[in-house]
Protein backbone atom coordinates (compact mmCIF):
# COMPACT_ATOMS: atom_id res chain seq x y z
CA MET A 1 -156.73 27.95 25.28
CA LEU A 2 -158.15 26.30 22.44
CA LYS A 3 -157.56 22.01 24.29
CA PRO A 4 -159.93 23.04 26.63
CA VAL A 5 -162.37 24.75 23.78
CA SER A 6 -161.50 21.56 21.02
CA ALA A 7 -162.30 19.25 23.83
CA ALA A 8 -165.54 21.12 24.67
CA LEU A 9 -166.56 20.46 21.04
CA LEU A 10 -165.79 17.30 20.41
CA SER A 11 -167.63 16.17 23.64
CA THR A 12 -170.19 17.63 22.34
CA VAL A 13 -170.55 16.64 18.91
CA ILE A 14 -169.52 13.00 20.28
CA ALA A 15 -173.14 13.11 22.97
CA VAL A 16 -175.03 14.32 19.97
CA SER A 17 -174.06 11.58 18.10
CA ALA A 18 -174.49 8.87 21.00
CA SER A 19 -177.96 9.82 20.94
CA ALA A 20 -179.24 9.60 17.68
CA ASP A 21 -181.36 7.55 16.46
CA PRO A 22 -180.08 4.74 14.53
CA ASN A 23 -180.28 5.13 10.97
CA PRO A 24 -184.14 4.03 9.11
CA GLN A 25 -182.29 1.90 6.48
CA LEU A 26 -180.37 -0.14 8.63
CA VAL A 27 -183.21 -0.43 10.84
CA ALA A 28 -185.43 -1.81 7.51
CA SER A 29 -182.55 -3.82 6.92
CA VAL A 30 -182.32 -5.43 10.29
CA GLU A 31 -186.08 -6.62 10.56
CA LEU A 32 -185.96 -7.62 7.50
CA GLU A 33 -182.82 -10.40 8.34
CA LEU A 34 -184.93 -10.70 12.22
CA ALA A 35 -188.21 -12.23 10.21
CA GLU A 36 -186.17 -14.81 7.74
CA TYR A 37 -185.34 -16.90 12.12
CA VAL A 38 -189.20 -16.07 12.34
CA LEU A 39 -188.61 -13.32 15.05
CA HIS A 40 -190.11 -10.00 15.01
CA ALA A 41 -188.97 -6.47 17.14
CA ASP A 42 -189.63 -3.16 16.83
CA VAL A 43 -186.75 -2.04 16.44
CA SER A 44 -187.07 1.48 15.74
CA ASN A 45 -187.07 2.05 19.25
CA PHE A 46 -183.90 -0.18 20.38
CA ALA A 47 -180.72 2.40 20.71
CA THR A 48 -177.92 2.37 17.59
CA SER A 49 -175.84 0.12 20.33
CA THR A 50 -178.53 -2.55 19.97
CA VAL A 51 -179.60 -2.12 16.36
CA ALA A 52 -175.54 -2.27 15.68
CA ARG A 53 -174.86 -5.88 17.58
CA LEU A 54 -178.13 -7.57 15.65
CA TYR A 55 -176.82 -6.34 12.09
CA MET A 56 -173.30 -7.54 13.59
CA THR A 57 -174.29 -10.78 14.48
CA LEU A 58 -177.26 -11.45 11.27
CA THR A 59 -174.31 -10.70 8.31
CA SER A 60 -171.37 -12.98 11.19
CA THR A 61 -168.75 -14.68 8.30
CA GLU A 62 -168.07 -17.33 11.33
CA ASP A 63 -169.12 -21.26 10.98
CA LYS A 64 -172.05 -20.68 12.67
CA ILE A 65 -174.52 -22.57 12.32
CA ASP A 66 -177.93 -20.79 14.39
CA PRO A 67 -177.56 -17.38 14.92
CA ARG A 68 -180.84 -17.44 16.33
CA PHE A 69 -180.03 -18.23 19.39
CA GLU A 70 -177.59 -14.83 20.31
CA LEU A 71 -180.42 -12.75 17.97
CA MET A 72 -182.79 -13.86 20.93
CA ALA A 73 -180.70 -12.90 23.18
CA ILE A 74 -180.30 -9.39 21.87
CA LEU A 75 -183.61 -9.03 21.94
CA ARG A 76 -184.33 -9.61 25.30
CA ASN A 77 -182.32 -7.14 27.32
CA PRO A 78 -182.16 -4.05 24.66
CA LYS A 79 -180.92 -0.87 25.12
CA TYR A 80 -183.59 1.45 24.33
CA LYS A 81 -183.18 5.18 22.67
């Protein structure tokens, strides 16, 4: 009896956290970093997954000459809230 209740509670928590807005501090950081690449977008309208992808691309330590092309690809097809 405890397992079905636990599973229902866990799925509810996951659903609520998945639909939450991205962290405002993360949004501001991404928008600031995008401006360095002369890219502008209202990141606050994007889903958390898109904001996270942008952030990971911006902060990647891989030897990339210019992540601008990858950032533009993400911005062309963002997921919205």
